């Protein structure tokens, strides 16, 4: 039958095997920043998704971003942290203008006020701790941190990141 369709290969069935995405347990905000990246943890986004977190792009100043020619539009706002629609905040490394820094600090403060964890990466670590009025010195070399309540915990690798992501619900 597949020969009648002139397909170059037989149809493939993935029933019972193959890729199955992790079920989504929680939606977290992703603070969009120009030239954003995850610093020394380039696989952070896939680790977060594998542990059931859905990343919702969030405006923090500049509005929509264009990354590699692709426009990324915000699907979340800082007010979603207040309402509990977002269960956490992800702050990647990246550049921001003065207004963007103020909007990012506001989002970080809102997340912490609601008791939502903040995952920060690269230069986002210093920005997060600065927004909370905490010293960044002890975490200057950490590739990432998770801020939960009064606790700041460094995340050294993808395994530690996965464990922190697993605690978000």
N, C-alpha and C. Protein backbone atom coordinates (compact mmCIF):
# COMPACT_ATOMS: atom_id res chain seq x y z
N UNK A 1 0.80 -1.18 0.00
CA UNK A 1 0.00 0.00 0.00
C UNK A 1 0.85 1.26 0.00
N UNK A 2 1.95 1.26 0.74
CA UNK A 2 2.78 2.45 0.73
C UNK A 2 3.43 2.66 -0.62
N UNK A 3 3.54 1.60 -1.42
CA UNK A 3 4.08 1.74 -2.76
C UNK A 3 3.13 2.54 -3.63
N UNK A 4 1.84 2.45 -3.38
CA UNK A 4 0.86 3.21 -4.15
C UNK A 4 0.98 4.70 -3.89
N UNK A 5 1.45 5.08 -2.71
CA UNK A 5 1.61 6.49 -2.39
C UNK A 5 2.94 7.02 -2.89
N UNK A 6 3.77 6.15 -3.42
CA UNK A 6 5.11 6.51 -3.91
C UNK A 6 5.99 7.07 -2.80
N UNK A 7 5.78 6.58 -1.61
CA UNK A 7 6.61 6.99 -0.47
C UNK A 7 7.95 6.28 -0.55
N UNK A 8 9.04 6.95 -0.21
CA UNK A 8 10.36 6.33 -0.28
C UNK A 8 10.62 5.31 0.83
N UNK A 9 9.73 5.20 1.79
CA UNK A 9 9.93 4.28 2.90
C UNK A 9 8.57 3.81 3.43
N UNK A 10 8.61 2.75 4.15
CA UNK A 10 7.39 2.21 4.74
C UNK A 10 6.94 3.10 5.89
N UNK A 11 5.65 3.15 6.16
CA UNK A 11 5.19 3.94 7.31
C UNK A 11 5.76 3.36 8.60
N UNK A 12 6.04 4.25 9.52
CA UNK A 12 6.62 3.82 10.79
C UNK A 12 5.62 4.00 11.90
N UNK A 13 5.57 3.04 12.74
CA UNK A 13 4.67 3.11 13.87
C UNK A 13 5.49 3.29 15.14
N UNK A 14 5.07 4.23 15.94
CA UNK A 14 5.76 4.46 17.22
C UNK A 14 4.87 4.03 18.38
N UNK A 15 3.88 3.24 18.09
CA UNK A 15 2.95 2.81 19.13
C UNK A 15 3.70 2.00 20.19
N UNK A 16 3.56 2.43 21.43
CA UNK A 16 4.16 1.68 22.53
C UNK A 16 5.62 1.97 22.77
N UNK A 17 6.24 2.77 21.91
CA UNK A 17 7.65 3.09 22.11
C UNK A 17 7.92 4.47 21.51
N UNK A 18 9.11 4.94 21.68
CA UNK A 18 9.47 6.22 21.10
C UNK A 18 9.37 7.35 22.10
N UNK A 19 9.37 8.55 21.59
CA UNK A 19 9.41 9.75 22.41
C UNK A 19 8.04 10.05 23.03
N UNK A 20 8.04 10.27 24.30
CA UNK A 20 6.85 10.72 25.02
C UNK A 20 7.27 11.88 25.89
N UNK A 21 6.71 13.06 25.63
CA UNK A 21 7.11 14.20 26.46
C UNK A 21 6.65 14.02 27.90
N UNK A 22 7.41 14.62 28.79
CA UNK A 22 7.04 14.56 30.21
C UNK A 22 5.73 15.31 30.41
N UNK A 23 4.86 14.80 31.28
CA UNK A 23 3.62 15.54 31.56
C UNK A 23 3.96 16.87 32.22
N UNK A 24 3.20 17.88 31.88
CA UNK A 24 3.44 19.21 32.44
C UNK A 24 2.84 19.27 33.84
N UNK A 25 3.69 19.58 34.83
CA UNK A 25 3.26 19.69 36.21
C UNK A 25 3.04 21.13 36.62
N UNK A 26 3.83 22.03 36.03
CA UNK A 26 3.75 23.43 36.44
C UNK A 26 4.20 24.33 35.29
N UNK A 27 3.64 25.53 35.29
CA UNK A 27 4.02 26.54 34.31
C UNK A 27 4.85 27.58 35.03
N UNK A 28 6.03 27.88 34.49
CA UNK A 28 6.92 28.87 35.09
C UNK A 28 7.22 29.96 34.07
N UNK A 29 7.46 31.15 34.55
CA UNK A 29 7.78 32.28 33.69
C UNK A 29 9.24 32.24 33.27
N UNK A 30 9.50 32.56 32.01
CA UNK A 30 10.86 32.68 31.49
C UNK A 30 11.07 34.14 31.16
N UNK A 31 11.88 34.83 31.96
CA UNK A 31 12.14 36.26 31.75
C UNK A 31 12.92 36.43 30.46
N UNK A 32 12.27 37.01 29.44
CA UNK A 32 12.93 37.20 28.15
C UNK A 32 13.90 38.37 28.22
N UNK A 33 15.14 38.10 27.82
CA UNK A 33 16.18 39.12 27.82
C UNK A 33 16.93 39.04 26.50
N UNK A 34 17.40 40.18 26.01
CA UNK A 34 18.21 40.18 24.79
C UNK A 34 19.42 39.28 24.97
N UNK A 35 19.74 38.55 23.94
CA UNK A 35 20.87 37.61 23.93
C UNK A 35 20.84 36.66 25.12
N UNK A 36 19.63 36.22 25.49
CA UNK A 36 19.52 35.35 26.66
C UNK A 36 20.11 33.97 26.37
N UNK A 37 20.70 33.41 27.41
CA UNK A 37 21.28 32.07 27.36
C UNK A 37 21.34 31.52 28.77
N UNK A 38 21.72 30.27 28.88
CA UNK A 38 21.76 29.63 30.20
C UNK A 38 23.19 29.46 30.69
N UNK A 39 24.09 30.29 30.18
CA UNK A 39 25.47 30.29 30.65
C UNK A 39 26.12 28.94 30.53
N UNK A 40 26.75 28.46 31.60
CA UNK A 40 27.46 27.18 31.56
C UNK A 40 26.54 25.96 31.54
N UNK A 41 25.22 26.17 31.53
CA UNK A 41 24.26 25.06 31.47
C UNK A 41 23.41 25.20 30.20
N UNK A 42 24.00 24.97 29.03
CA UNK A 42 23.25 25.17 27.79
C UNK A 42 22.04 24.25 27.63
N UNK A 43 22.01 23.13 28.34
CA UNK A 43 20.89 22.19 28.24
C UNK A 43 19.82 22.43 29.31
N UNK A 44 19.87 23.57 29.99
CA UNK A 44 18.95 23.84 31.09
C UNK A 44 17.49 23.81 30.65
N UNK A 45 17.18 24.37 29.49
CA UNK A 45 15.80 24.40 29.05
C UNK A 45 15.25 22.99 28.86
N UNK A 46 16.02 22.12 28.27
CA UNK A 46 15.54 20.74 28.07
C UNK A 46 15.43 20.00 29.41
N UNK A 47 16.31 20.27 30.35
CA UNK A 47 16.23 19.65 31.68
C UNK A 47 14.95 20.09 32.39
N UNK A 48 14.63 21.38 32.31
CA UNK A 48 13.42 21.89 32.95
C UNK A 48 12.17 21.26 32.33
N UNK A 49 12.15 21.16 31.00
CA UNK A 49 11.00 20.56 30.32
C UNK A 49 10.90 19.07 30.64
N UNK A 50 12.02 18.39 30.73
CA UNK A 50 12.01 16.96 31.04
C UNK A 50 11.47 16.69 32.44
N UNK A 51 11.57 17.68 33.32
CA UNK A 51 11.05 17.53 34.68
C UNK A 51 9.66 18.13 34.85
N UNK A 52 8.96 18.33 33.72
CA UNK A 52 7.56 18.70 33.77
C UNK A 52 7.26 20.18 33.90
N UNK A 53 8.23 21.05 33.61
CA UNK A 53 7.97 22.47 33.70
C UNK A 53 7.74 23.04 32.30
N UNK A 54 6.68 23.80 32.16
CA UNK A 54 6.37 24.48 30.91
C UNK A 54 6.88 25.91 31.04
N UNK A 55 7.73 26.34 30.10
CA UNK A 55 8.31 27.68 30.17
C UNK A 55 7.45 28.66 29.40
N UNK A 56 6.94 29.67 30.08
CA UNK A 56 6.10 30.69 29.47
C UNK A 56 6.91 31.97 29.32
N UNK A 57 7.22 32.39 28.08
CA UNK A 57 7.99 33.62 27.90
C UNK A 57 7.27 34.80 28.54
N UNK A 58 8.05 35.62 29.25
CA UNK A 58 7.52 36.75 30.01
C UNK A 58 8.22 38.03 29.60
N UNK A 59 7.47 39.09 29.37
CA UNK A 59 8.08 40.38 29.07
C UNK A 59 8.71 40.96 30.32
N UNK A 60 9.93 41.42 30.19
CA UNK A 60 10.56 42.17 31.28
C UNK A 60 11.27 43.38 30.67
N UNK A 61 10.48 44.29 30.14
CA UNK A 61 11.03 45.53 29.64
C UNK A 61 10.87 45.75 28.15
N UNK A 62 11.62 45.01 27.34
CA UNK A 62 11.71 45.33 25.93
C UNK A 62 10.49 44.91 25.11
N UNK A 63 9.59 44.13 25.64
CA UNK A 63 8.48 43.60 24.85
C UNK A 63 8.94 42.33 24.15
N UNK A 64 8.38 42.05 22.99
CA UNK A 64 8.75 40.86 22.25
C UNK A 64 10.20 40.90 21.81
N UNK A 65 10.79 39.76 21.64
CA UNK A 65 12.18 39.65 21.21
C UNK A 65 12.25 38.94 19.88
N UNK A 66 13.32 39.20 19.16
CA UNK A 66 13.62 38.46 17.95
C UNK A 66 14.92 37.72 18.20
N UNK A 67 14.85 36.39 18.17
CA UNK A 67 16.02 35.56 18.45
C UNK A 67 16.32 34.74 17.21
N UNK A 68 17.44 35.01 16.58
CA UNK A 68 17.81 34.27 15.38
C UNK A 68 16.79 34.42 14.26
N UNK A 69 16.15 35.58 14.16
CA UNK A 69 15.17 35.81 13.13
C UNK A 69 13.77 35.32 13.47
N UNK A 70 13.61 34.71 14.63
CA UNK A 70 12.30 34.22 15.06
C UNK A 70 11.76 35.15 16.15
N UNK A 71 10.55 35.64 15.96
CA UNK A 71 9.94 36.50 16.97
C UNK A 71 9.37 35.65 18.10
N UNK A 72 9.68 36.05 19.32
CA UNK A 72 9.16 35.37 20.50
C UNK A 72 8.23 36.34 21.21
N UNK A 73 6.98 35.97 21.29
CA UNK A 73 5.99 36.83 21.94
C UNK A 73 5.71 36.33 23.35
N UNK A 74 5.48 37.25 24.23
CA UNK A 74 5.22 36.91 25.62
C UNK A 74 3.85 36.24 25.77
N UNK A 75 3.82 35.17 26.56
CA UNK A 75 2.56 34.50 26.87
C UNK A 75 2.22 34.62 28.36
N UNK A 76 3.08 35.32 29.11
CA UNK A 76 2.85 35.50 30.54
C UNK A 76 3.26 36.91 30.94
N UNK A 77 2.73 37.35 32.07
CA UNK A 77 3.05 38.67 32.61
C UNK A 77 3.45 38.52 34.07
N UNK A 78 4.02 39.57 34.62
CA UNK A 78 4.39 39.55 36.03
C UNK A 78 3.16 39.36 36.91
N UNK A 79 2.01 39.84 36.46
CA UNK A 79 0.79 39.67 37.25
C UNK A 79 0.40 38.20 37.38
N UNK A 80 0.87 37.34 36.47
CA UNK A 80 0.60 35.90 36.57
C UNK A 80 1.33 35.29 37.77
N UNK A 81 2.40 35.92 38.21
CA UNK A 81 3.08 35.47 39.43
C UNK A 81 2.20 35.78 40.65
N UNK A 82 1.56 36.97 40.62
CA UNK A 82 0.69 37.37 41.73
C UNK A 82 -0.52 36.45 41.86
N UNK A 83 -1.08 36.06 40.72
CA UNK A 83 -2.30 35.25 40.74
C UNK A 83 -2.02 33.77 41.01
N UNK A 84 -0.77 33.36 40.90
CA UNK A 84 -0.42 31.96 41.10
C UNK A 84 -0.48 31.14 39.82
N UNK A 85 -0.77 31.78 38.69
CA UNK A 85 -0.79 31.05 37.42
C UNK A 85 0.60 30.55 37.04
N UNK A 86 1.63 31.26 37.48
CA UNK A 86 3.01 30.83 37.29
C UNK A 86 3.53 30.34 38.63
N UNK A 87 4.13 29.17 38.63
CA UNK A 87 4.61 28.56 39.88
C UNK A 87 6.07 28.86 40.18
N UNK A 88 6.73 29.61 39.30
CA UNK A 88 8.12 29.95 39.50
C UNK A 88 8.58 30.89 38.42
N UNK A 89 9.85 31.28 38.48
CA UNK A 89 10.43 32.21 37.53
C UNK A 89 11.82 31.71 37.15
N UNK A 90 12.12 31.76 35.85
CA UNK A 90 13.44 31.40 35.34
C UNK A 90 14.08 32.67 34.82
N UNK A 91 15.28 33.00 35.33
CA UNK A 91 16.01 34.20 34.93
C UNK A 91 17.29 33.77 34.23
N UNK A 92 17.30 33.81 32.89
CA UNK A 92 18.51 33.44 32.17
C UNK A 92 19.52 34.59 32.18
N UNK A 93 20.72 34.30 31.74
CA UNK A 93 21.71 35.34 31.54
C UNK A 93 21.29 36.13 30.31
N UNK A 94 21.71 37.37 30.21
CA UNK A 94 21.37 38.18 29.05
C UNK A 94 21.44 39.65 29.38
N UNK A 95 21.32 40.45 28.32
CA UNK A 95 21.41 41.89 28.46
C UNK A 95 20.02 42.49 28.62
N UNK A 96 19.97 43.61 29.30
CA UNK A 96 18.72 44.34 29.45
C UNK A 96 19.05 45.82 29.59
N UNK A 97 18.11 46.66 29.22
CA UNK A 97 18.29 48.09 29.43
C UNK A 97 17.86 48.44 30.85
N UNK A 98 17.92 49.71 31.18
CA UNK A 98 17.58 50.13 32.54
C UNK A 98 16.13 49.80 32.90
N UNK A 99 15.22 50.02 31.94
CA UNK A 99 13.81 49.70 32.18
C UNK A 99 13.62 48.19 32.32
N UNK A 100 14.38 47.44 31.53
CA UNK A 100 14.31 45.98 31.61
C UNK A 100 14.82 45.47 32.94
N UNK A 101 15.87 46.09 33.47
CA UNK A 101 16.39 45.69 34.78
C UNK A 101 15.36 45.95 35.88
N UNK A 102 14.66 47.08 35.78
CA UNK A 102 13.65 47.40 36.78
C UNK A 102 12.47 46.42 36.69
N UNK A 103 12.06 46.08 35.46
CA UNK A 103 10.95 45.14 35.28
C UNK A 103 11.35 43.74 35.75
N UNK A 104 12.61 43.36 35.50
CA UNK A 104 13.10 42.06 35.96
C UNK A 104 13.12 42.01 37.48
N UNK A 105 13.62 43.07 38.11
CA UNK A 105 13.66 43.12 39.57
C UNK A 105 12.25 43.03 40.15
N UNK A 106 11.28 43.67 39.49
CA UNK A 106 9.89 43.61 39.93
C UNK A 106 9.36 42.18 39.85
N UNK A 107 9.64 41.49 38.74
CA UNK A 107 9.17 40.11 38.58
C UNK A 107 9.80 39.19 39.62
N UNK A 108 11.08 39.39 39.89
CA UNK A 108 11.78 38.56 40.89
C UNK A 108 11.17 38.80 42.27
N UNK A 109 10.93 40.06 42.61
CA UNK A 109 10.33 40.39 43.91
C UNK A 109 8.93 39.81 44.04
N UNK A 110 8.15 39.87 42.97
CA UNK A 110 6.79 39.31 43.00
C UNK A 110 6.83 37.80 43.21
N UNK A 111 7.75 37.12 42.51
CA UNK A 111 7.85 35.67 42.65
C UNK A 111 8.19 35.29 44.09
N UNK A 112 9.17 35.98 44.65
CA UNK A 112 9.58 35.66 46.02
C UNK A 112 8.50 36.01 47.04
N UNK A 113 7.76 37.08 46.78
CA UNK A 113 6.67 37.46 47.69
C UNK A 113 5.57 36.40 47.72
N UNK A 114 5.36 35.72 46.60
CA UNK A 114 4.36 34.65 46.54
C UNK A 114 4.92 33.29 46.97
N UNK A 115 6.21 33.24 47.29
CA UNK A 115 6.83 31.98 47.69
C UNK A 115 7.19 31.09 46.52
N UNK A 116 7.20 31.66 45.32
CA UNK A 116 7.56 30.88 44.13
C UNK A 116 9.08 30.86 43.97
N UNK A 117 9.66 29.72 43.64
CA UNK A 117 11.11 29.66 43.48
C UNK A 117 11.57 30.41 42.24
N UNK A 118 12.78 30.94 42.30
CA UNK A 118 13.41 31.62 41.18
C UNK A 118 14.66 30.85 40.81
N UNK A 119 14.73 30.40 39.56
CA UNK A 119 15.92 29.72 39.03
C UNK A 119 16.69 30.74 38.20
N UNK A 120 17.94 31.02 38.55
CA UNK A 120 18.73 32.02 37.84
C UNK A 120 19.99 31.37 37.28
N UNK A 121 20.40 31.82 36.10
CA UNK A 121 21.53 31.24 35.38
C UNK A 121 22.52 32.32 34.96
N UNK A 122 23.82 31.99 34.98
CA UNK A 122 24.84 32.92 34.50
C UNK A 122 24.75 34.27 35.17
N UNK A 123 24.71 35.34 34.33
CA UNK A 123 24.61 36.70 34.86
C UNK A 123 23.27 36.96 35.55
N UNK A 124 22.29 36.11 35.30
CA UNK A 124 21.00 36.23 35.95
C UNK A 124 21.09 35.97 37.45
N UNK A 125 22.13 35.25 37.88
CA UNK A 125 22.33 34.99 39.31
C UNK A 125 22.56 36.31 40.04
N UNK A 126 23.49 37.12 39.54
CA UNK A 126 23.79 38.40 40.18
C UNK A 126 22.58 39.33 40.12
N UNK A 127 21.88 39.36 38.99
CA UNK A 127 20.70 40.22 38.84
C UNK A 127 19.61 39.82 39.84
N UNK A 128 19.42 38.52 40.03
CA UNK A 128 18.40 38.03 40.96
C UNK A 128 18.75 38.39 42.39
N UNK A 129 19.97 38.12 42.79
CA UNK A 129 20.38 38.40 44.17
C UNK A 129 20.39 39.90 44.45
N UNK A 130 20.78 40.70 43.44
CA UNK A 130 20.75 42.16 43.59
C UNK A 130 19.31 42.64 43.79
N UNK A 131 18.37 42.09 43.03
CA UNK A 131 16.96 42.49 43.14
C UNK A 131 16.39 42.16 44.51
N UNK A 132 16.92 41.11 45.14
CA UNK A 132 16.44 40.70 46.46
C UNK A 132 17.24 41.31 47.60
N UNK A 133 18.26 42.12 47.26
CA UNK A 133 19.08 42.76 48.29
C UNK A 133 19.98 41.79 49.02
N UNK A 134 20.39 40.74 48.34
CA UNK A 134 21.26 39.73 48.96
C UNK A 134 22.65 39.80 48.34
N UNK A 135 23.67 39.43 49.10
CA UNK A 135 25.03 39.47 48.54
C UNK A 135 25.23 38.38 47.48
N UNK A 136 25.83 38.77 46.36
CA UNK A 136 26.07 37.83 45.27
C UNK A 136 27.44 37.15 45.40
N UNK A 137 28.30 37.67 46.25
CA UNK A 137 29.67 37.16 46.40
C UNK A 137 29.78 35.66 46.59
N UNK A 138 29.04 35.08 47.54
CA UNK A 138 29.18 33.63 47.77
C UNK A 138 28.75 32.78 46.57
N UNK A 139 28.01 33.37 45.63
CA UNK A 139 27.49 32.59 44.49
C UNK A 139 28.07 33.08 43.16
N UNK A 140 29.16 33.84 43.23
CA UNK A 140 29.75 34.42 42.03
C UNK A 140 30.19 33.36 41.02
N UNK A 141 30.64 32.21 41.47
CA UNK A 141 31.12 31.17 40.56
C UNK A 141 30.07 30.11 40.26
N UNK A 142 28.90 30.22 40.83
CA UNK A 142 27.85 29.21 40.61
C UNK A 142 27.25 29.41 39.22
N UNK A 143 27.12 28.31 38.43
CA UNK A 143 26.50 28.44 37.11
C UNK A 143 25.02 28.77 37.20
N UNK A 144 24.39 28.40 38.32
CA UNK A 144 22.97 28.66 38.52
C UNK A 144 22.66 28.58 40.01
N UNK A 145 21.54 29.22 40.39
CA UNK A 145 21.06 29.12 41.76
C UNK A 145 19.55 28.98 41.74
N UNK A 146 19.01 28.45 42.82
CA UNK A 146 17.57 28.47 43.03
C UNK A 146 17.34 29.23 44.34
N UNK A 147 16.45 30.23 44.27
CA UNK A 147 16.09 31.02 45.43
C UNK A 147 14.68 30.61 45.82
N UNK A 148 14.55 30.11 47.03
CA UNK A 148 13.26 29.68 47.52
C UNK A 148 13.12 30.18 48.95
N UNK A 149 12.25 31.15 49.14
CA UNK A 149 12.12 31.76 50.46
C UNK A 149 13.40 32.50 50.82
N UNK A 150 13.94 32.22 51.99
CA UNK A 150 15.19 32.84 52.41
C UNK A 150 16.41 32.02 52.02
N UNK A 151 16.18 30.88 51.39
CA UNK A 151 17.26 29.97 51.03
C UNK A 151 17.75 30.21 49.61
N UNK A 152 19.06 30.31 49.44
CA UNK A 152 19.69 30.40 48.12
C UNK A 152 20.60 29.19 48.00
N UNK A 153 20.32 28.36 47.01
CA UNK A 153 21.08 27.12 46.84
C UNK A 153 21.76 27.12 45.48
N UNK A 154 23.09 26.92 45.45
CA UNK A 154 23.78 26.85 44.16
C UNK A 154 23.44 25.54 43.44
N UNK A 155 23.37 25.61 42.12
CA UNK A 155 23.12 24.44 41.29
C UNK A 155 24.35 24.24 40.42
N UNK A 156 25.09 23.16 40.68
CA UNK A 156 26.36 22.95 40.00
C UNK A 156 26.24 22.28 38.64
N UNK A 157 25.18 21.49 38.43
CA UNK A 157 25.08 20.74 37.18
C UNK A 157 23.62 20.44 36.84
N UNK A 158 23.41 19.74 35.72
CA UNK A 158 22.06 19.43 35.26
C UNK A 158 21.31 18.54 36.26
N UNK A 159 22.01 17.68 36.96
CA UNK A 159 21.37 16.81 37.94
C UNK A 159 20.78 17.63 39.10
N UNK A 160 21.53 18.60 39.59
CA UNK A 160 21.05 19.47 40.66
C UNK A 160 19.89 20.34 40.15
N UNK A 161 19.98 20.78 38.90
CA UNK A 161 18.90 21.56 38.30
C UNK A 161 17.63 20.72 38.19
N UNK A 162 17.77 19.48 37.77
CA UNK A 162 16.62 18.58 37.67
C UNK A 162 15.96 18.34 39.01
N UNK A 163 16.78 18.20 40.06
CA UNK A 163 16.22 18.00 41.41
C UNK A 163 15.46 19.25 41.86
N UNK A 164 16.01 20.44 41.57
CA UNK A 164 15.32 21.68 41.94
C UNK A 164 14.04 21.84 41.14
N UNK A 165 14.06 21.49 39.87
CA UNK A 165 12.86 21.58 39.02
C UNK A 165 11.79 20.61 39.50
N UNK A 166 12.20 19.47 39.99
CA UNK A 166 11.26 18.47 40.47
C UNK A 166 10.50 18.90 41.71
N UNK A 167 11.03 19.88 42.43
CA UNK A 167 10.36 20.37 43.64
C UNK A 167 9.33 21.47 43.35
N UNK A 168 9.25 21.92 42.10
CA UNK A 168 8.31 22.99 41.75
C UNK A 168 6.98 22.38 41.36
N UNK A 169 5.91 22.79 42.02
CA UNK A 169 4.56 22.36 41.62
C UNK A 169 3.58 23.46 41.80
